[in-house]
Amino acid sequence: MEYEKTPRNKINRLGKRGVYDYETVHRIIDSSPILHVAFNPVDDPDGFPVVLPMLGCTAAYSEDNTQADSASTVPAANAPTDSESPPDPTPAAPPGAFPSEDDDNTEDPADAPDIDVDNDDPSGPRSIYLHGWVSARLLRAPDSGTRVCISAAHVDGAVLALAPFHNSANYRSAVVFGLAAPVASPRERAFALRRITDNFARGRWARSRGPPTTAELRSTGVLRVDVESASAKVRVGGPSDDRADLADERVRGETWTGVVPMYTVYGEPIAAPLNGVEGVPAYIERWREESNREAERYAVWAATAGESKK
């Protein structure tokens, strides 16, 4: 399934890099640590648009969905130990959105590294849930909704060409247009808060202190963004140099060309001063190691995918 291509979301420059399928857009959003949310405040007399960095993720909520039933529960005092499986875990989607054909490279998305799929189908329709302070301007949006534009991006490699003007980057980016409105349903708010938490740190909700306090719930707002249109733009592969430069042995012999892979790395955990748990829990180590491995694998794959234009 794809987002309909419209004048609003159509990729104009290097249009062959444009991707409109739900899965690619949703995976880029979910694997981004921070989403940038742009809107025009209704109560701001100077008229300047505002961009806020916010935590969020995609999800499909339904009142009669078993996913919603299990996710609407708050963390229990007897959360599972590392040897147990947490109920209905919602893992963060690791990096690895499928690339598309671009102007320089043609690569079959089926050749991309295998990646885990989320509990609900990422290739189907989803909303975006955003978490924030309840008194923030965007969280005070009217029930009718506030128009927002959400962006997320990953840089997967520095592409170094023979000439500076042909340097580039391997990247994945997504832009979403939609209406943001506060979530009033307690069940949907609980679902969204768990989903956002586990998307940020896999398995954390079920292994945290619970249930949330009244003060925590009162101070935390949740927005649901109903997506109207969206698109992604993806580049993979090596540099694309002028044919004249490629034919010049002196230039090729003096200038290194290639790709330096780039990816986010989760470092060694550092315990808080008042931490009372001995050692790092296994679920944190698994999340960290798997995230690092998937990020590196995709960045290296992106550097070698396709063939540079000769």
C-alpha atoms as a PDB file:
ATOM      1  CA  MET A   1       0.000   0.000   0.000  1.00  0.00           C
ATOM      2  CA  GLU A   2       1.162   3.513  -0.769  1.00  0.00           C
ATOM      3  CA  TYR A   3       0.402   7.106   0.083  1.00  0.00           C
ATOM      4  CA  GLU A   4      -1.252   8.801  -2.862  1.00  0.00           C
ATOM      5  CA  LYS A   5       1.152  10.995  -4.797  1.00  0.00           C
ATOM      6  CA  THR A   6      -0.080  14.599  -4.690  1.00  0.00           C
ATOM      7  CA  PRO A   7       1.451  18.047  -5.348  1.00  0.00           C
ATOM      8  CA  ARG A   8       2.000  18.307  -1.575  1.00  0.00           C
ATOM      9  CA  ASN A   9       4.064  15.151  -1.042  1.00  0.00           C
ATOM     10  CA  LYS A  10       5.526  14.509  -4.496  1.00  0.00           C
ATOM     11  CA  ILE A  11       9.337  14.378  -4.651  1.00  0.00           C
ATOM     12  CA  ASN A  12      10.305  16.913  -7.316  1.00  0.00           C
ATOM     13  CA  ARG A  13      14.112  16.909  -7.426  1.00  0.00           C
ATOM     14  CA  LEU A  14      15.593  13.486  -8.167  1.00  0.00           C
ATOM     15  CA  GLY A  15      12.106  12.059  -8.229  1.00  0.00           C
ATOM     16  CA  LYS A  16      13.367   8.515  -8.803  1.00  0.00           C
ATOM     17  CA  ARG A  17      14.561   8.526  -5.199  1.00  0.00           C
ATOM     18  CA  GLY A  18      11.023   9.085  -3.990  1.00  0.00           C
ATOM     19  CA  VAL A  19       9.293   6.262  -2.117  1.00  0.00           C
ATOM     20  CA  TYR A  20       5.617   6.352  -1.183  1.00  0.00           C
ATOM     21  CA  ASP A  21       4.870   2.936   0.297  1.00  0.00           C
ATOM     22  CA  TYR A  22       3.630   2.823   3.877  1.00  0.00           C
ATOM     23  CA  GLU A  23       6.313   0.466   5.142  1.00  0.00           C
ATOM     24  CA  THR A  24       9.299   2.577   4.115  1.00  0.00           C
ATOM     25  CA  VAL A  25       7.805   5.789   5.504  1.00  0.00           C
ATOM     26  CA  HIS A  26       6.766   4.135   8.777  1.00  0.00           C
ATOM     27  CA  ARG A  27      10.123   2.439   9.350  1.00  0.00           C
ATOM     28  CA  ILE A  28      12.031   5.684   8.828  1.00  0.00           C
ATOM     29  CA  ILE A  29       9.765   7.430  11.343  1.00  0.00           C
ATOM     30  CA  ASP A  30       9.998   4.624  13.913  1.00  0.00           C
ATOM     31  CA  SER A  31      13.782   4.287  13.714  1.00  0.00           C
ATOM     32  CA  SER A  32      14.356   8.021  14.210  1.00  0.00           C
ATOM     33  CA  PRO A  33      15.188   8.955  17.838  1.00  0.00           C
ATOM     34  CA  ILE A  34      13.637  12.406  17.398  1.00  0.00           C
ATOM     35  CA  LEU A  35      10.862  13.671  15.139  1.00  0.00           C
ATOM     36  CA  HIS A  36      10.740  17.323  14.098  1.00  0.00           C
ATOM     37  CA  VAL A  37       7.189  18.655  14.143  1.00  0.00           C
ATOM     38  CA  ALA A  38       6.388  21.930  12.360  1.00  0.00           C
ATOM     39  CA  PHE A  39       3.176  23.923  12.830  1.00  0.00           C
ATOM     40  CA  ASN A  40       1.788  27.459  12.927  1.00  0.00           C
ATOM     41  CA  PRO A  41       0.725  28.402  16.486  1.00  0.00           C
ATOM     42  CA  VAL A  42      -2.790  29.813  16.527  1.00  0.00           C
ATOM     43  CA  ASP A  43      -2.057  32.026  19.551  1.00  0.00           C
ATOM     44  CA  ASP A  44       1.208  33.538  18.290  1.00  0.00           C
ATOM     45  CA  PRO A  45       0.759  37.102  16.941  1.00  0.00           C
ATOM     46  CA  ASP A  46       4.107  37.252  15.103  1.00  0.00           C
ATOM     47  CA  GLY A  47       3.094  34.482  12.700  1.00  0.00           C
ATOM     48  CA  PHE A  48       6.375  32.590  12.682  1.00  0.00           C
ATOM     49  CA  PRO A  49       6.128  28.814  12.242  1.00  0.00           C
ATOM     50  CA  VAL A  50       7.491  26.630  15.039  1.00  0.00           C
ATOM     51  CA  VAL A  51       9.463  23.384  14.829  1.00  0.00           C
ATOM     52  CA  LEU A  52       9.564  21.156  17.924  1.00  0.00           C
ATOM     53  CA  PRO A  53      11.744  18.075  18.471  1.00  0.00           C
ATOM     54  CA  MET A  54       9.448  15.406  19.915  1.00  0.00           C
ATOM     55  CA  LEU A  55       9.365  11.714  20.767  1.00  0.00           C
ATOM     56  CA  GLY A  56       6.906   9.714  18.727  1.00  0.00           C
ATOM     57  CA  CYS A  57       6.232   6.683  16.576  1.00  0.00           C
ATOM     58  CA  THR A  58       3.699   5.173  14.208  1.00  0.00           C
ATOM     59  CA  ALA A  59       0.970   2.821  15.384  1.00  0.00           C
ATOM     60  CA  ALA A  60      -2.442   1.485  14.419  1.00  0.00           C
ATOM     61  CA  TYR A  61      -4.938   1.639  17.291  1.00  0.00           C
ATOM     62  CA  SER A  62      -8.341   0.004  17.469  1.00  0.00           C
ATOM     63  CA  GLU A  63     -10.640  -0.355  20.484  1.00  0.00           C
ATOM     64  CA  ASP A  64     -11.404  -3.971  19.566  1.00  0.00           C
ATOM     65  CA  ASN A  65      -7.833  -4.828  18.628  1.00  0.00           C
ATOM     66  CA  THR A  66      -6.065  -7.429  20.790  1.00  0.00           C
ATOM     67  CA  GLN A  67      -2.913  -5.353  20.437  1.00  0.00           C
ATOM     68  CA  ALA A  68      -4.735  -2.429  22.022  1.00  0.00           C
ATOM     69  CA  ASP A  69      -6.128  -4.616  24.814  1.00  0.00           C
ATOM     70  CA  SER A  70      -2.727  -5.907  25.877  1.00  0.00           C
ATOM     71  CA  ALA A  71      -0.913  -2.621  25.382  1.00  0.00           C
ATOM     72  CA  SER A  72      -3.409  -0.557  27.345  1.00  0.00           C
ATOM     73  CA  THR A  73      -2.247  -2.014  30.635  1.00  0.00           C
ATOM     74  CA  VAL A  74       0.220  -0.031  32.711  1.00  0.00           C
ATOM     75  CA  PRO A  75       3.524  -1.502  33.937  1.00  0.00           C
ATOM     76  CA  ALA A  76       2.905  -3.939  36.767  1.00  0.00           C
ATOM     77  CA  ALA A  77       4.877  -4.063  39.983  1.00  0.00           C
ATOM     78  CA  ASN A  78       5.833  -7.646  39.130  1.00  0.00           C
ATOM     79  CA  ALA A  79       7.246  -6.848  35.694  1.00  0.00           C
ATOM     80  CA  PRO A  80       8.914  -9.820  33.988  1.00  0.00           C
ATOM     81  CA  THR A  81      12.501 -10.624  34.739  1.00  0.00           C
ATOM     82  CA  ASP A  82      15.107 -10.906  31.993  1.00  0.00           C
ATOM     83  CA  SER A  83      14.508 -14.645  31.784  1.00  0.00           C
ATOM     84  CA  GLU A  84      10.832 -14.079  31.048  1.00  0.00           C
ATOM     85  CA  SER A  85       9.204 -12.696  27.945  1.00  0.00           C
ATOM     86  CA  PRO A  86       7.401  -9.381  28.546  1.00  0.00           C
ATOM     87  CA  PRO A  87       3.730  -9.411  27.542  1.00  0.00           C
ATOM     88  CA  ASP A  88       3.144  -8.158  24.026  1.00  0.00           C
ATOM     89  CA  PRO A  89       6.509  -6.452  23.487  1.00  0.00           C
ATOM     90  CA  THR A  90       6.511  -3.697  20.897  1.00  0.00           C
ATOM     91  CA  PRO A  91      10.067  -3.544  19.561  1.00  0.00           C
ATOM     92  CA  ALA A  92      11.422  -0.448  17.945  1.00  0.00           C
ATOM     93  CA  ALA A  93      11.702  -0.826  14.208  1.00  0.00           C
ATOM     94  CA  PRO A  94      15.453  -1.030  13.564  1.00  0.00           C
ATOM     95  CA  PRO A  95      17.084   0.919  10.751  1.00  0.00           C
ATOM     96  CA  GLY A  96      16.744  -0.602   7.327  1.00  0.00           C
ATOM     97  CA  ALA A  97      14.016   1.104   5.334  1.00  0.00           C
ATOM     98  CA  PHE A  98      14.035  -0.297   1.858  1.00  0.00           C
ATOM     99  CA  PRO A  99      15.871   1.882  -0.673  1.00  0.00           C
ATOM    100  CA  SER A 100      14.431   2.798  -4.017  1.00  0.00           C
ATOM    101  CA  GLU A 101      15.852   3.257  -7.447  1.00  0.00           C
ATOM    102  CA  ASP A 102      17.661   6.601  -7.633  1.00  0.00           C
ATOM    103  CA  ASP A 103      19.263   8.487 -10.502  1.00  0.00           C
ATOM    104  CA  ASP A 104      22.589   6.730 -10.089  1.00  0.00           C
ATOM    105  CA  ASN A 105      21.827   3.341  -8.631  1.00  0.00           C
ATOM    106  CA  THR A 106      19.315   0.575  -9.169  1.00  0.00           C
ATOM    107  CA  GLU A 107      18.913  -1.901  -6.341  1.00  0.00           C
ATOM    108  CA  ASP A 108      16.198  -4.424  -5.605  1.00  0.00           C
ATOM    109  CA  PRO A 109      14.673  -3.737  -2.149  1.00  0.00           C
ATOM    110  CA  ALA A 110      14.482  -7.495  -1.663  1.00  0.00           C
ATOM    111  CA  ASP A 111      18.280  -7.491  -1.464  1.00  0.00           C
ATOM    112  CA  ALA A 112      18.270  -5.187   1.572  1.00  0.00           C
ATOM    113  CA  PRO A 113      19.309  -6.731   4.903  1.00  0.00           C
ATOM    114  CA  ASP A 114      16.507  -8.576   6.651  1.00  0.00           C
ATOM    115  CA  ILE A 115      14.811  -6.513   9.335  1.00  0.00           C
ATOM    116  CA  ASP A 116      12.271  -7.358  12.007  1.00  0.00           C
ATOM    117  CA  VAL A 117       8.670  -6.385  11.473  1.00  0.00           C
ATOM    118  CA  ASP A 118       6.548  -4.759  14.122  1.00  0.00           C
ATOM    119  CA  ASN A 119       3.594  -6.382  15.877  1.00  0.00           C
ATOM    120  CA  ASP A 120       1.088  -4.626  13.652  1.00  0.00           C
ATOM    121  CA  ASP A 121       1.717  -4.505   9.953  1.00  0.00           C
ATOM    122  CA  PRO A 122       3.993  -1.553   9.035  1.00  0.00           C
ATOM    123  CA  SER A 123       2.795  -1.829   5.436  1.00  0.00           C
ATOM    124  CA  GLY A 124      -0.745  -0.857   6.480  1.00  0.00           C
ATOM    125  CA  PRO A 125      -2.278   2.488   7.487  1.00  0.00           C
ATOM    126  CA  ARG A 126      -0.990   4.034  10.712  1.00  0.00           C
ATOM    127  CA  SER A 127      -1.218   7.232  12.699  1.00  0.00           C
ATOM    128  CA  ILE A 128       1.710   8.964  14.383  1.00  0.00           C
ATOM    129  CA  TYR A 129       1.586   9.373  18.160  1.00  0.00           C
ATOM    130  CA  LEU A 130       3.560  12.209  19.781  1.00  0.00           C
ATOM    131  CA  HIS A 131       4.437  12.579  23.461  1.00  0.00           C
ATOM    132  CA  GLY A 132       5.029  15.845  25.274  1.00  0.00           C
ATOM    133  CA  TRP A 133       4.385  18.166  28.182  1.00  0.00           C
ATOM    134  CA  VAL A 134       0.656  18.684  28.548  1.00  0.00           C
ATOM    135  CA  SER A 135       0.942  22.503  28.603  1.00  0.00           C
ATOM    136  CA  ALA A 136       2.985  22.753  25.413  1.00  0.00           C
ATOM    137  CA  ARG A 137       1.330  24.818  22.690  1.00  0.00           C
ATOM    138  CA  LEU A 138       0.940  21.894  20.326  1.00  0.00           C
ATOM    139  CA  LEU A 139      -0.578  19.723  23.066  1.00  0.00           C
ATOM    140  CA  ARG A 140      -3.249  22.405  23.496  1.00  0.00           C
ATOM    141  CA  ALA A 141      -4.379  21.901  19.911  1.00  0.00           C
ATOM    142  CA  PRO A 142      -8.141  22.085  19.298  1.00  0.00           C
ATOM    143  CA  ASP A 143     -10.122  18.874  18.976  1.00  0.00           C
ATOM    144  CA  SER A 144     -10.598  19.691  15.303  1.00  0.00           C
ATOM    145  CA  GLY A 145      -6.846  19.281  14.843  1.00  0.00           C
ATOM    146  CA  THR A 146      -3.791  21.345  13.978  1.00  0.00           C
ATOM    147  CA  ARG A 147      -2.047  21.019  10.631  1.00  0.00           C
ATOM    148  CA  VAL A 148       1.472  19.689  11.152  1.00  0.00           C
ATOM    149  CA  CYS A 149       4.412  18.589   9.053  1.00  0.00           C
ATOM    150  CA  ILE A 150       6.649  15.911  10.589  1.00  0.00           C
ATOM    151  CA  SER A 151      10.116  15.052   9.329  1.00  0.00           C
ATOM    152  CA  ALA A 152      12.658  12.361  10.166  1.00  0.00           C
ATOM    153  CA  ALA A 153      16.026  11.618   8.591  1.00  0.00           C
ATOM    154  CA  HIS A 154      18.999   9.276   8.829  1.00  0.00           C
ATOM    155  CA  VAL A 155      22.409   9.851   7.242  1.00  0.00           C
ATOM    156  CA  ASP A 156      23.823   6.435   6.349  1.00  0.00           C
ATOM    157  CA  GLY A 157      27.114   7.427   4.764  1.00  0.00           C
ATOM    158  CA  ALA A 158      29.365  10.231   3.527  1.00  0.00           C
ATOM    159  CA  VAL A 159      29.802   9.741  -0.224  1.00  0.00           C
ATOM    160  CA  LEU A 160      33.161  11.183  -1.314  1.00  0.00           C
ATOM    161  CA  ALA A 161      33.632  11.798  -5.035  1.00  0.00           C
ATOM    162  CA  LEU A 162      36.597  12.918  -7.137  1.00  0.00           C
ATOM    163  CA  ALA A 163      35.262  16.486  -7.284  1.00  0.00           C
ATOM    164  CA  PRO A 164      33.734  18.312  -4.290  1.00  0.00           C
ATOM    165  CA  PHE A 165      30.628  19.191  -6.299  1.00  0.00           C
ATOM    166  CA  HIS A 166      29.821  15.490  -6.657  1.00  0.00           C
ATOM    167  CA  ASN A 167      30.124  14.649  -2.953  1.00  0.00           C
ATOM    168  CA  SER A 168      26.852  13.319  -1.598  1.00  0.00           C
ATOM    169  CA  ALA A 169      25.340  11.291   1.229  1.00  0.00           C
ATOM    170  CA  ASN A 170      23.456   8.055   1.570  1.00  0.00           C
ATOM    171  CA  TYR A 171      20.302   8.841   3.475  1.00  0.00           C
ATOM    172  CA  ARG A 172      16.718   7.972   4.329  1.00  0.00           C
ATOM    173  CA  SER A 173      14.229  10.750   4.994  1.00  0.00           C
ATOM    174  CA  ALA A 174      10.482  10.969   5.440  1.00  0.00           C
ATOM    175  CA  VAL A 175       8.041  13.876   5.508  1.00  0.00           C
ATOM    176  CA  VAL A 176       4.483  13.477   6.764  1.00  0.00           C
ATOM    177  CA  PHE A 177       1.548  15.901   6.545  1.00  0.00           C
ATOM    178  CA  GLY A 178      -1.420  15.466   8.844  1.00  0.00           C
ATOM    179  CA  LEU A 179      -3.820  16.734  11.480  1.00  0.00           C
ATOM    180  CA  ALA A 180      -2.707  16.552  15.128  1.00  0.00           C
ATOM    181  CA  ALA A 181      -5.297  16.366  17.904  1.00  0.00           C
ATOM    182  CA  PRO A 182      -5.124  15.476  21.624  1.00  0.00           C
ATOM    183  CA  VAL A 183      -5.944  11.882  22.559  1.00  0.00           C
ATOM    184  CA  ALA A 184      -8.803  11.817  25.070  1.00  0.00           C
ATOM    185  CA  SER A 185      -9.465   8.086  25.429  1.00  0.00           C
ATOM    186  CA  PRO A 186      -7.599   6.654  28.465  1.00  0.00           C
ATOM    187  CA  ARG A 187      -7.151   3.323  26.660  1.00  0.00           C
ATOM    188  CA  GLU A 188      -5.706   4.954  23.574  1.00  0.00           C
ATOM    189  CA  ARG A 189      -3.433   7.186  25.676  1.00  0.00           C
ATOM    190  CA  ALA A 190      -2.114   4.136  27.548  1.00  0.00           C
ATOM    191  CA  PHE A 191      -1.586   2.325  24.249  1.00  0.00           C
ATOM    192  CA  ALA A 192       0.303   5.297  22.792  1.00  0.00           C
ATOM    193  CA  LEU A 193       2.488   5.857  25.862  1.00  0.00           C
ATOM    194  CA  ARG A 194       3.546   2.225  25.930  1.00  0.00           C
ATOM    195  CA  ARG A 195       4.171   2.201  22.190  1.00  0.00           C
ATOM    196  CA  ILE A 196       6.296   5.354  22.326  1.00  0.00           C
ATOM    197  CA  THR A 197       8.265   4.055  25.333  1.00  0.00           C
ATOM    198  CA  ASP A 198       9.056   0.690  23.764  1.00  0.00           C
ATOM    199  CA  ASN A 199       9.871   2.279  20.421  1.00  0.00           C
ATOM    200  CA  PHE A 200      12.421   4.501  22.166  1.00  0.00           C
ATOM    201  CA  ALA A 201      13.914   1.717  24.334  1.00  0.00           C
ATOM    202  CA  ARG A 202      12.827  -1.775  23.370  1.00  0.00           C
ATOM    203  CA  GLY A 203      11.095  -3.686  26.186  1.00  0.00           C
ATOM    204  CA  ARG A 204      11.362  -0.838  28.693  1.00  0.00           C
ATOM    205  CA  TRP A 205       7.672  -0.326  29.537  1.00  0.00           C
ATOM    206  CA  ALA A 206       7.079  -3.749  31.086  1.00  0.00           C
ATOM    207  CA  ARG A 207      10.311  -3.532  33.093  1.00  0.00           C
ATOM    208  CA  SER A 208       9.755  -0.079  34.598  1.00  0.00           C
ATOM    209  CA  ARG A 209       8.156   1.073  37.847  1.00  0.00           C
ATOM    210  CA  GLY A 210       4.397   1.053  37.547  1.00  0.00           C
ATOM    211  CA  PRO A 211       1.645   1.975  37.435  1.00  0.00           C
ATOM    212  CA  PRO A 212       2.121   5.621  36.390  1.00  0.00           C
ATOM    213  CA  THR A 213       1.194   8.134  39.066  1.00  0.00           C
ATOM    214  CA  THR A 214      -1.704  10.537  38.699  1.00  0.00           C
ATOM    215  CA  ALA A 215       0.764  13.419  38.448  1.00  0.00           C
ATOM    216  CA  GLU A 216       2.667  11.673  35.662  1.00  0.00           C
ATOM    217  CA  LEU A 217      -0.488  11.069  33.653  1.00  0.00           C
ATOM    218  CA  ARG A 218      -1.749  14.616  34.198  1.00  0.00           C
ATOM    219  CA  SER A 219       1.511  16.197  33.059  1.00  0.00           C
ATOM    220  CA  THR A 220       1.986  14.004  29.988  1.00  0.00           C
ATOM    221  CA  GLY A 221       0.035  14.705  26.845  1.00  0.00           C
ATOM    222  CA  VAL A 222      -0.429  12.528  23.767  1.00  0.00           C
ATOM    223  CA  LEU A 223      -1.210  13.719  20.262  1.00  0.00           C
ATOM    224  CA  ARG A 224      -2.450  11.538  17.441  1.00  0.00           C
ATOM    225  CA  VAL A 225      -1.548  12.690  13.957  1.00  0.00           C
ATOM    226  CA  ASP A 226      -3.905  11.386  11.296  1.00  0.00           C
ATOM    227  CA  VAL A 227      -1.761  11.225   8.180  1.00  0.00           C
ATOM    228  CA  GLU A 228      -3.116  12.903   5.054  1.00  0.00           C
ATOM    229  CA  SER A 229      -0.058  12.436   2.839  1.00  0.00           C
ATOM    230  CA  ALA A 230       3.559  11.348   3.173  1.00  0.00           C
ATOM    231  CA  SER A 231       6.644  10.444   1.187  1.00  0.00           C
ATOM    232  CA  ALA A 232      10.190   9.232   1.678  1.00  0.00           C
ATOM    233  CA  LYS A 233      13.428   9.855  -0.177  1.00  0.00           C
ATOM    234  CA  VAL A 234      16.269   7.326  -0.130  1.00  0.00           C
ATOM    235  CA  ARG A 235      19.768   7.230  -1.600  1.00  0.00           C
ATOM    236  CA  VAL A 236      22.140   4.261  -1.607  1.00  0.00           C
ATOM    237  CA  GLY A 237      25.373   3.490  -3.427  1.00  0.00           C
ATOM    238  CA  GLY A 238      28.736   5.041  -4.136  1.00  0.00           C
ATOM    239  CA  PRO A 239      29.860   8.278  -5.780  1.00  0.00           C
ATOM    240  CA  SER A 240      28.856   9.358  -9.271  1.00  0.00           C
ATOM    241  CA  ASP A 241      31.701  11.200 -10.973  1.00  0.00           C
ATOM    242  CA  ASP A 242      32.049  12.966 -14.296  1.00  0.00           C
ATOM    243  CA  ARG A 243      33.244  10.698 -17.063  1.00  0.00           C
ATOM    244  CA  ALA A 244      36.140  13.058 -17.766  1.00  0.00           C
ATOM    245  CA  ASP A 245      37.374  12.713 -14.178  1.00  0.00           C
ATOM    246  CA  LEU A 246      37.009   8.941 -14.282  1.00  0.00           C
ATOM    247  CA  ALA A 247      39.069   8.829 -17.466  1.00  0.00           C
ATOM    248  CA  ASP A 248      41.858  10.936 -15.919  1.00  0.00           C
ATOM    249  CA  GLU A 249      44.306   8.504 -14.295  1.00  0.00           C
ATOM    250  CA  ARG A 250      46.122  11.337 -12.505  1.00  0.00           C
ATOM    251  CA  VAL A 251      42.936  12.535 -10.810  1.00  0.00           C
ATOM    252  CA  ARG A 252      41.951   8.992  -9.886  1.00  0.00           C
ATOM    253  CA  GLY A 253      45.433   8.311  -8.531  1.00  0.00           C
ATOM    254  CA  GLU A 254      45.480  11.382  -6.302  1.00  0.00           C
ATOM    255  CA  THR A 255      41.948  11.490  -4.893  1.00  0.00           C
ATOM    256  CA  TRP A 256      40.398   8.749  -2.758  1.00  0.00           C
ATOM    257  CA  THR A 257      36.763   8.041  -3.569  1.00  0.00           C
ATOM    258  CA  GLY A 258      34.219   5.891  -1.810  1.00  0.00           C
ATOM    259  CA  VAL A 259      31.759   5.856   1.071  1.00  0.00           C
ATOM    260  CA  VAL A 260      32.329   6.296   4.791  1.00  0.00           C
ATOM    261  CA  PRO A 261      29.371   4.498   6.458  1.00  0.00           C
ATOM    262  CA  MET A 262      27.568   6.471   9.171  1.00  0.00           C
ATOM    263  CA  TYR A 263      25.193   5.121  11.805  1.00  0.00           C
ATOM    264  CA  THR A 264      24.048   5.688  15.373  1.00  0.00           C
ATOM    265  CA  VAL A 265      25.823   3.576  17.998  1.00  0.00           C
ATOM    266  CA  TYR A 266      24.428   2.913  21.478  1.00  0.00           C
ATOM    267  CA  GLY A 267      27.399   2.978  23.865  1.00  0.00           C
ATOM    268  CA  GLU A 268      28.172   1.037  27.025  1.00  0.00           C
ATOM    269  CA  PRO A 269      25.435   1.675  29.636  1.00  0.00           C
ATOM    270  CA  ILE A 270      26.446   3.883  32.584  1.00  0.00           C
ATOM    271  CA  ALA A 271      24.544   3.222  35.808  1.00  0.00           C
ATOM    272  CA  ALA A 272      22.893   6.100  37.665  1.00  0.00           C
ATOM    273  CA  PRO A 273      24.400   7.023  41.062  1.00  0.00           C
ATOM    274  CA  LEU A 274      21.404   5.548  42.915  1.00  0.00           C
ATOM    275  CA  ASN A 275      20.940   2.529  40.654  1.00  0.00           C
ATOM    276  CA  GLY A 276      20.295  -0.564  42.767  1.00  0.00           C
ATOM    277  CA  VAL A 277      20.468  -3.256  40.081  1.00  0.00           C
ATOM    278  CA  GLU A 278      23.695  -5.194  39.800  1.00  0.00           C
ATOM    279  CA  GLY A 279      24.969  -5.324  36.253  1.00  0.00           C
ATOM    280  CA  VAL A 280      23.188  -4.334  33.052  1.00  0.00           C
ATOM    281  CA  PRO A 281      19.925  -6.221  32.433  1.00  0.00           C
ATOM    282  CA  ALA A 282      20.034  -8.646  29.533  1.00  0.00           C
ATOM    283  CA  TYR A 283      17.150  -6.986  27.694  1.00  0.00           C
ATOM    284  CA  ILE A 284      19.069  -3.686  27.572  1.00  0.00           C
ATOM    285  CA  GLU A 285      22.158  -5.424  26.243  1.00  0.00           C
ATOM    286  CA  ARG A 286      20.088  -7.246  23.607  1.00  0.00           C
ATOM    287  CA  TRP A 287      18.401  -4.031  22.511  1.00  0.00           C
ATOM    288  CA  ARG A 288      21.719  -2.177  22.343  1.00  0.00           C
ATOM    289  CA  GLU A 289      23.602  -4.913  20.499  1.00  0.00           C
ATOM    290  CA  GLU A 290      20.810  -5.642  18.026  1.00  0.00           C
ATOM    291  CA  SER A 291      20.272  -1.947  17.282  1.00  0.00           C
ATOM    292  CA  ASN A 292      23.991  -1.377  16.701  1.00  0.00           C
ATOM    293  CA  ARG A 293      24.297  -4.463  14.520  1.00  0.00           C
ATOM    294  CA  GLU A 294      21.290  -3.570  12.362  1.00  0.00           C
ATOM    295  CA  ALA A 295      22.414   0.054  11.961  1.00  0.00           C
ATOM    296  CA  GLU A 296      25.922  -0.943  10.900  1.00  0.00           C
ATOM    297  CA  ARG A 297      24.651  -3.636   8.565  1.00  0.00           C
ATOM    298  CA  TYR A 298      22.333  -1.263   6.741  1.00  0.00           C
ATOM    299  CA  ALA A 299      24.944   1.514   6.415  1.00  0.00           C
ATOM    300  CA  VAL A 300      27.511  -0.914   4.985  1.00  0.00           C
ATOM    301  CA  TRP A 301      24.909  -2.420   2.666  1.00  0.00           C
ATOM    302  CA  ALA A 302      23.876   1.052   1.475  1.00  0.00           C
ATOM    303  CA  ALA A 303      27.509   1.923   0.701  1.00  0.00           C
ATOM    304  CA  THR A 304      27.910  -1.039  -1.638  1.00  0.00           C
ATOM    305  CA  ALA A 305      24.405  -1.274  -3.124  1.00  0.00           C
ATOM    306  CA  GLY A 306      23.914  -0.603  -6.802  1.00  0.00           C
ATOM    307  CA  GLU A 307      26.499   0.478  -9.299  1.00  0.00           C
ATOM    308  CA  SER A 308      27.869   3.986  -9.648  1.00  0.00           C
ATOM    309  CA  LYS A 309      27.287   5.737 -12.931  1.00  0.00           C
ATOM    310  CA  LYS A 310      30.339   5.438 -15.193  1.00  0.00           C
END
